[in-house]
């Protein structure tokens, strides 16, 4: 069984910063890609940023230059540094990981962490 646990969300004023963390635990042989998604009220869940096992990163256009995704492979951890936050960044942020264990490779989701940016 695999678990993803996010932390670091909260309330911040526009222009401020937050750092999200995601820790993966359980039966893990390797992690292929780890990603951050977000879902705002009334909107579809969208990909914010991801990082592949080799370190390649990609970002949604709306966060390029403001957000930085990173990982610590030794800790099976994922991070999202969010700077210059805007009210439109308000959403529940979810961690996703494509993980290989002894039986299968599958996608796993965390429970989400709320980020609220006030104007």
N, C-alpha and C. Protein backbone atom coordinates (compact mmCIF):
# COMPACT_ATOMS: atom_id res chain seq x y z
N UNK A 1 0.84 -1.18 0.00
CA UNK A 1 0.00 0.00 0.00
C UNK A 1 0.89 1.24 0.00
N UNK A 2 0.45 2.26 -0.72
CA UNK A 2 1.21 3.51 -0.83
C UNK A 2 0.36 4.65 -0.31
N UNK A 3 1.00 5.57 0.41
CA UNK A 3 0.31 6.77 0.89
C UNK A 3 1.09 8.01 0.49
N UNK A 4 0.36 9.05 0.11
CA UNK A 4 0.93 10.36 -0.15
C UNK A 4 0.29 11.34 0.82
N UNK A 5 1.12 12.10 1.51
CA UNK A 5 0.61 13.06 2.48
C UNK A 5 1.19 14.43 2.17
N UNK A 6 0.28 15.39 1.91
CA UNK A 6 0.70 16.76 1.62
C UNK A 6 0.68 17.60 2.89
N UNK A 7 1.47 18.66 2.88
CA UNK A 7 1.46 19.63 3.98
C UNK A 7 1.94 20.97 3.44
N UNK A 8 1.70 22.02 4.22
CA UNK A 8 2.24 23.32 3.87
C UNK A 8 1.24 24.32 3.33
N UNK A 9 0.00 23.92 3.13
CA UNK A 9 -0.98 24.87 2.65
C UNK A 9 -1.34 25.88 3.73
N UNK A 10 -2.13 26.88 3.33
CA UNK A 10 -2.56 27.89 4.30
C UNK A 10 -3.10 29.12 3.62
N UNK A 11 -3.24 30.17 4.41
CA UNK A 11 -3.75 31.45 3.93
C UNK A 11 -2.59 32.43 3.83
N UNK A 12 -2.51 33.10 2.69
CA UNK A 12 -1.42 34.05 2.46
C UNK A 12 -1.95 35.22 1.64
N UNK A 13 -1.35 36.37 1.81
CA UNK A 13 -1.74 37.53 1.03
C UNK A 13 -1.12 37.47 -0.36
N UNK A 14 -1.76 38.13 -1.29
CA UNK A 14 -1.22 38.20 -2.65
C UNK A 14 0.21 38.75 -2.60
N UNK A 15 1.08 38.12 -3.40
CA UNK A 15 2.49 38.48 -3.38
C UNK A 15 3.33 37.67 -2.43
N UNK A 16 2.67 36.91 -1.57
CA UNK A 16 3.38 36.10 -0.59
C UNK A 16 3.84 34.77 -1.15
N UNK A 17 4.40 33.95 -0.26
CA UNK A 17 4.97 32.67 -0.66
C UNK A 17 4.49 31.55 0.26
N UNK A 18 4.45 30.36 -0.29
CA UNK A 18 4.18 29.14 0.47
C UNK A 18 5.03 28.02 -0.11
N UNK A 19 5.33 27.04 0.72
CA UNK A 19 6.05 25.85 0.25
C UNK A 19 5.25 24.62 0.62
N UNK A 20 4.83 23.88 -0.40
CA UNK A 20 4.10 22.64 -0.18
C UNK A 20 5.06 21.46 -0.17
N UNK A 21 4.73 20.47 0.63
CA UNK A 21 5.51 19.24 0.69
C UNK A 21 4.60 18.05 0.50
N UNK A 22 5.15 16.98 -0.03
CA UNK A 22 4.41 15.74 -0.21
C UNK A 22 5.37 14.60 0.10
N UNK A 23 4.96 13.72 0.99
CA UNK A 23 5.80 12.58 1.36
C UNK A 23 5.10 11.29 0.95
N UNK A 24 5.82 10.46 0.21
CA UNK A 24 5.29 9.16 -0.21
C UNK A 24 5.87 8.08 0.70
N UNK A 25 5.02 7.15 1.11
CA UNK A 25 5.48 6.06 1.97
C UNK A 25 4.75 4.78 1.60
N UNK A 26 5.30 3.66 2.07
CA UNK A 26 4.68 2.37 1.80
C UNK A 26 5.56 1.51 0.91
N UNK A 27 4.91 0.66 0.14
CA UNK A 27 5.61 -0.29 -0.71
C UNK A 27 6.04 0.41 -2.01
N UNK A 28 7.27 0.91 -2.02
CA UNK A 28 7.77 1.68 -3.16
C UNK A 28 9.09 1.10 -3.63
N UNK A 29 9.13 0.69 -4.89
CA UNK A 29 10.41 0.28 -5.49
C UNK A 29 11.04 1.46 -6.22
N UNK A 30 10.23 2.21 -6.93
CA UNK A 30 10.74 3.37 -7.64
C UNK A 30 9.59 4.32 -7.95
N UNK A 31 9.94 5.59 -8.15
CA UNK A 31 8.96 6.61 -8.51
C UNK A 31 9.33 7.18 -9.86
N UNK A 32 8.40 7.15 -10.79
CA UNK A 32 8.69 7.63 -12.13
C UNK A 32 8.51 9.14 -12.24
N UNK A 33 7.33 9.62 -11.96
CA UNK A 33 7.01 11.04 -12.05
C UNK A 33 6.21 11.44 -10.83
N UNK A 34 6.51 12.62 -10.31
CA UNK A 34 5.71 13.19 -9.23
C UNK A 34 5.18 14.54 -9.71
N UNK A 35 3.94 14.81 -9.36
CA UNK A 35 3.26 15.98 -9.91
C UNK A 35 2.46 16.70 -8.84
N UNK A 36 2.24 17.98 -9.09
CA UNK A 36 1.29 18.78 -8.32
C UNK A 36 0.13 19.15 -9.24
N UNK A 37 -1.07 18.89 -8.78
CA UNK A 37 -2.30 19.32 -9.42
C UNK A 37 -3.02 20.29 -8.48
N UNK A 38 -3.96 21.03 -9.03
CA UNK A 38 -4.80 21.87 -8.19
C UNK A 38 -6.21 21.90 -8.75
N UNK A 39 -7.14 22.13 -7.85
CA UNK A 39 -8.54 22.23 -8.23
C UNK A 39 -9.20 23.36 -7.48
N UNK A 40 -9.63 24.35 -8.23
CA UNK A 40 -10.35 25.49 -7.66
C UNK A 40 -11.84 25.18 -7.66
N UNK A 41 -12.61 25.85 -6.81
CA UNK A 41 -14.06 25.60 -6.76
C UNK A 41 -14.71 25.79 -8.12
N UNK A 42 -15.48 24.81 -8.55
CA UNK A 42 -16.19 24.90 -9.81
C UNK A 42 -15.35 24.66 -11.04
N UNK A 43 -14.08 24.30 -10.85
CA UNK A 43 -13.20 24.10 -11.99
C UNK A 43 -12.64 22.67 -11.99
N UNK A 44 -12.13 22.27 -13.14
CA UNK A 44 -11.53 20.95 -13.25
C UNK A 44 -10.14 20.95 -12.62
N UNK A 45 -9.72 19.77 -12.18
CA UNK A 45 -8.38 19.63 -11.65
C UNK A 45 -7.38 19.84 -12.80
N UNK A 46 -6.32 20.61 -12.52
CA UNK A 46 -5.34 20.91 -13.55
C UNK A 46 -3.93 20.62 -13.07
N UNK A 47 -3.08 20.26 -14.02
CA UNK A 47 -1.68 20.01 -13.70
C UNK A 47 -0.95 21.33 -13.49
N UNK A 48 -0.24 21.44 -12.39
CA UNK A 48 0.51 22.65 -12.08
C UNK A 48 1.97 22.48 -12.47
N UNK A 49 2.58 21.37 -12.03
CA UNK A 49 4.00 21.13 -12.30
C UNK A 49 4.30 19.66 -12.06
N UNK A 50 5.31 19.17 -12.78
CA UNK A 50 5.74 17.81 -12.49
C UNK A 50 7.25 17.69 -12.65
N UNK A 51 7.77 16.60 -12.09
CA UNK A 51 9.20 16.34 -12.16
C UNK A 51 9.39 14.84 -12.38
N UNK A 52 10.19 14.51 -13.38
CA UNK A 52 10.44 13.12 -13.72
C UNK A 52 11.63 12.59 -12.94
N UNK A 53 11.79 11.28 -12.97
CA UNK A 53 12.84 10.66 -12.17
C UNK A 53 14.23 11.18 -12.54
N UNK A 54 14.40 11.62 -13.79
CA UNK A 54 15.69 12.14 -14.20
C UNK A 54 15.91 13.60 -13.84
N UNK A 55 14.86 14.22 -13.31
CA UNK A 55 14.97 15.61 -12.88
C UNK A 55 14.34 16.62 -13.82
N UNK A 56 13.85 16.17 -14.96
CA UNK A 56 13.19 17.09 -15.90
C UNK A 56 11.89 17.61 -15.29
N UNK A 57 11.69 18.92 -15.43
CA UNK A 57 10.49 19.54 -14.87
C UNK A 57 9.66 20.19 -15.97
N UNK A 58 8.38 20.36 -15.67
CA UNK A 58 7.50 21.11 -16.57
C UNK A 58 6.47 21.84 -15.73
N UNK A 59 5.95 22.94 -16.27
CA UNK A 59 5.04 23.81 -15.53
C UNK A 59 3.88 24.26 -16.41
N UNK A 60 2.76 24.50 -15.76
CA UNK A 60 1.66 25.17 -16.44
C UNK A 60 2.09 26.60 -16.74
N UNK A 61 1.61 27.15 -17.84
CA UNK A 61 1.99 28.50 -18.23
C UNK A 61 1.63 29.51 -17.14
N UNK A 62 0.54 29.27 -16.44
CA UNK A 62 0.07 30.23 -15.44
C UNK A 62 0.99 30.35 -14.22
N UNK A 63 1.90 29.38 -14.03
CA UNK A 63 2.76 29.43 -12.85
C UNK A 63 4.24 29.54 -13.21
N UNK A 64 4.57 29.52 -14.48
CA UNK A 64 5.98 29.60 -14.89
C UNK A 64 6.61 30.89 -14.36
N UNK A 65 7.81 30.75 -13.81
CA UNK A 65 8.51 31.90 -13.26
C UNK A 65 8.14 32.22 -11.84
N UNK A 66 7.09 31.62 -11.32
CA UNK A 66 6.66 31.88 -9.93
C UNK A 66 6.77 30.63 -9.05
N UNK A 67 6.53 29.47 -9.63
CA UNK A 67 6.55 28.22 -8.87
C UNK A 67 7.78 27.40 -9.26
N UNK A 68 8.31 26.66 -8.31
CA UNK A 68 9.43 25.76 -8.56
C UNK A 68 9.15 24.41 -7.92
N UNK A 69 9.20 23.36 -8.74
CA UNK A 69 8.98 22.01 -8.25
C UNK A 69 10.34 21.33 -8.05
N UNK A 70 10.44 20.57 -6.98
CA UNK A 70 11.68 19.84 -6.70
C UNK A 70 11.34 18.55 -5.97
N UNK A 71 12.32 17.67 -5.89
CA UNK A 71 12.09 16.41 -5.20
C UNK A 71 13.34 15.97 -4.46
N UNK A 72 13.15 15.12 -3.49
CA UNK A 72 14.24 14.49 -2.76
C UNK A 72 14.03 12.99 -2.90
N UNK A 73 14.77 12.38 -3.81
CA UNK A 73 14.54 10.96 -4.11
C UNK A 73 14.82 10.06 -2.91
N UNK A 74 15.78 10.44 -2.10
CA UNK A 74 16.11 9.63 -0.92
C UNK A 74 14.97 9.59 0.08
N UNK A 75 14.18 10.65 0.11
CA UNK A 75 13.06 10.75 1.05
C UNK A 75 11.73 10.47 0.38
N UNK A 76 11.73 10.18 -0.91
CA UNK A 76 10.46 10.03 -1.66
C UNK A 76 9.56 11.24 -1.42
N UNK A 77 10.15 12.41 -1.52
CA UNK A 77 9.42 13.64 -1.20
C UNK A 77 9.36 14.56 -2.42
N UNK A 78 8.30 15.33 -2.46
CA UNK A 78 8.05 16.29 -3.53
C UNK A 78 7.75 17.63 -2.88
N UNK A 79 8.23 18.70 -3.52
CA UNK A 79 8.03 20.04 -2.98
C UNK A 79 7.52 20.98 -4.07
N UNK A 80 6.84 22.02 -3.64
CA UNK A 80 6.42 23.07 -4.56
C UNK A 80 6.62 24.41 -3.86
N UNK A 81 7.61 25.16 -4.31
CA UNK A 81 7.84 26.50 -3.79
C UNK A 81 7.01 27.46 -4.64
N UNK A 82 6.11 28.18 -3.98
CA UNK A 82 5.20 29.07 -4.68
C UNK A 82 5.49 30.49 -4.23
N UNK A 83 5.92 31.32 -5.16
CA UNK A 83 6.24 32.72 -4.88
C UNK A 83 5.31 33.63 -5.65
N UNK A 84 5.23 34.87 -5.21
CA UNK A 84 4.37 35.86 -5.87
C UNK A 84 2.97 35.30 -6.12
N UNK A 85 2.38 34.77 -5.08
CA UNK A 85 1.07 34.14 -5.20
C UNK A 85 0.00 35.15 -5.56
N UNK A 86 -0.96 34.68 -6.34
CA UNK A 86 -2.07 35.50 -6.80
C UNK A 86 -3.39 34.90 -6.31
N UNK A 87 -4.43 35.70 -6.20
CA UNK A 87 -5.72 35.15 -5.77
C UNK A 87 -6.19 33.98 -6.66
N UNK A 88 -5.85 34.00 -7.92
CA UNK A 88 -6.27 32.92 -8.81
C UNK A 88 -5.51 31.62 -8.56
N UNK A 89 -4.51 31.64 -7.69
CA UNK A 89 -3.82 30.41 -7.29
C UNK A 89 -4.59 29.67 -6.18
N UNK A 90 -5.63 30.29 -5.67
CA UNK A 90 -6.42 29.67 -4.63
C UNK A 90 -7.04 28.37 -5.13
N UNK A 91 -6.79 27.28 -4.41
CA UNK A 91 -7.26 25.96 -4.83
C UNK A 91 -6.84 24.93 -3.78
N UNK A 92 -7.37 23.73 -3.94
CA UNK A 92 -6.83 22.60 -3.21
C UNK A 92 -5.72 21.99 -4.08
N UNK A 93 -4.55 21.84 -3.49
CA UNK A 93 -3.40 21.31 -4.21
C UNK A 93 -3.20 19.85 -3.85
N UNK A 94 -3.04 19.03 -4.89
CA UNK A 94 -2.91 17.59 -4.72
C UNK A 94 -1.56 17.11 -5.24
N UNK A 95 -0.99 16.20 -4.51
CA UNK A 95 0.22 15.52 -4.94
C UNK A 95 -0.18 14.22 -5.67
N UNK A 96 0.52 13.94 -6.75
CA UNK A 96 0.29 12.71 -7.51
C UNK A 96 1.64 12.08 -7.81
N UNK A 97 1.69 10.76 -7.72
CA UNK A 97 2.94 10.08 -8.02
C UNK A 97 2.68 8.79 -8.79
N UNK A 98 3.51 8.55 -9.78
CA UNK A 98 3.46 7.29 -10.52
C UNK A 98 4.53 6.38 -9.92
N UNK A 99 4.06 5.37 -9.21
CA UNK A 99 4.95 4.57 -8.35
C UNK A 99 4.92 3.10 -8.75
N UNK A 100 6.12 2.52 -8.77
CA UNK A 100 6.26 1.09 -9.04
C UNK A 100 6.52 0.37 -7.72
N UNK A 101 5.69 -0.65 -7.45
CA UNK A 101 5.98 -1.52 -6.30
C UNK A 101 6.19 -2.93 -6.82
N UNK A 102 6.14 -3.92 -5.94
CA UNK A 102 6.47 -5.29 -6.36
C UNK A 102 5.47 -5.88 -7.34
N UNK A 103 4.27 -5.34 -7.36
CA UNK A 103 3.20 -5.96 -8.15
C UNK A 103 2.83 -5.12 -9.37
N UNK A 104 2.77 -3.81 -9.21
CA UNK A 104 2.19 -2.98 -10.26
C UNK A 104 2.79 -1.59 -10.24
N UNK A 105 2.65 -0.90 -11.37
CA UNK A 105 2.95 0.54 -11.44
C UNK A 105 1.62 1.26 -11.54
N UNK A 106 1.41 2.24 -10.68
CA UNK A 106 0.10 2.89 -10.63
C UNK A 106 0.26 4.33 -10.18
N UNK A 107 -0.81 5.10 -10.37
CA UNK A 107 -0.84 6.49 -9.92
C UNK A 107 -1.52 6.58 -8.56
N UNK A 108 -0.95 7.38 -7.69
CA UNK A 108 -1.49 7.57 -6.35
C UNK A 108 -1.69 9.06 -6.09
N UNK A 109 -2.71 9.36 -5.27
CA UNK A 109 -3.06 10.75 -4.95
C UNK A 109 -2.99 10.97 -3.44
N UNK A 110 -2.59 12.19 -3.09
CA UNK A 110 -2.70 12.61 -1.70
C UNK A 110 -4.10 13.14 -1.43
N UNK A 111 -4.33 13.55 -0.18
CA UNK A 111 -5.66 14.00 0.22
C UNK A 111 -5.90 15.46 -0.11
N UNK A 112 -4.86 16.19 -0.45
CA UNK A 112 -5.00 17.60 -0.81
C UNK A 112 -4.70 18.53 0.34
N UNK A 113 -4.22 19.72 0.00
CA UNK A 113 -3.99 20.76 0.99
C UNK A 113 -4.50 22.09 0.42
N UNK A 114 -5.21 22.83 1.24
CA UNK A 114 -5.86 24.06 0.78
C UNK A 114 -4.85 25.21 0.75
N UNK A 115 -4.84 25.93 -0.35
CA UNK A 115 -4.06 27.17 -0.48
C UNK A 115 -5.05 28.28 -0.79
N UNK A 116 -5.06 29.31 0.05
CA UNK A 116 -5.95 30.44 -0.14
C UNK A 116 -5.11 31.71 -0.21
N UNK A 117 -5.28 32.46 -1.28
CA UNK A 117 -4.53 33.70 -1.48
C UNK A 117 -5.53 34.86 -1.45
N UNK A 118 -5.35 35.75 -0.51
CA UNK A 118 -6.26 36.89 -0.38
C UNK A 118 -5.70 38.09 -1.14
N UNK A 119 -6.61 38.90 -1.64
CA UNK A 119 -6.19 40.08 -2.42
C UNK A 119 -6.00 41.29 -1.54
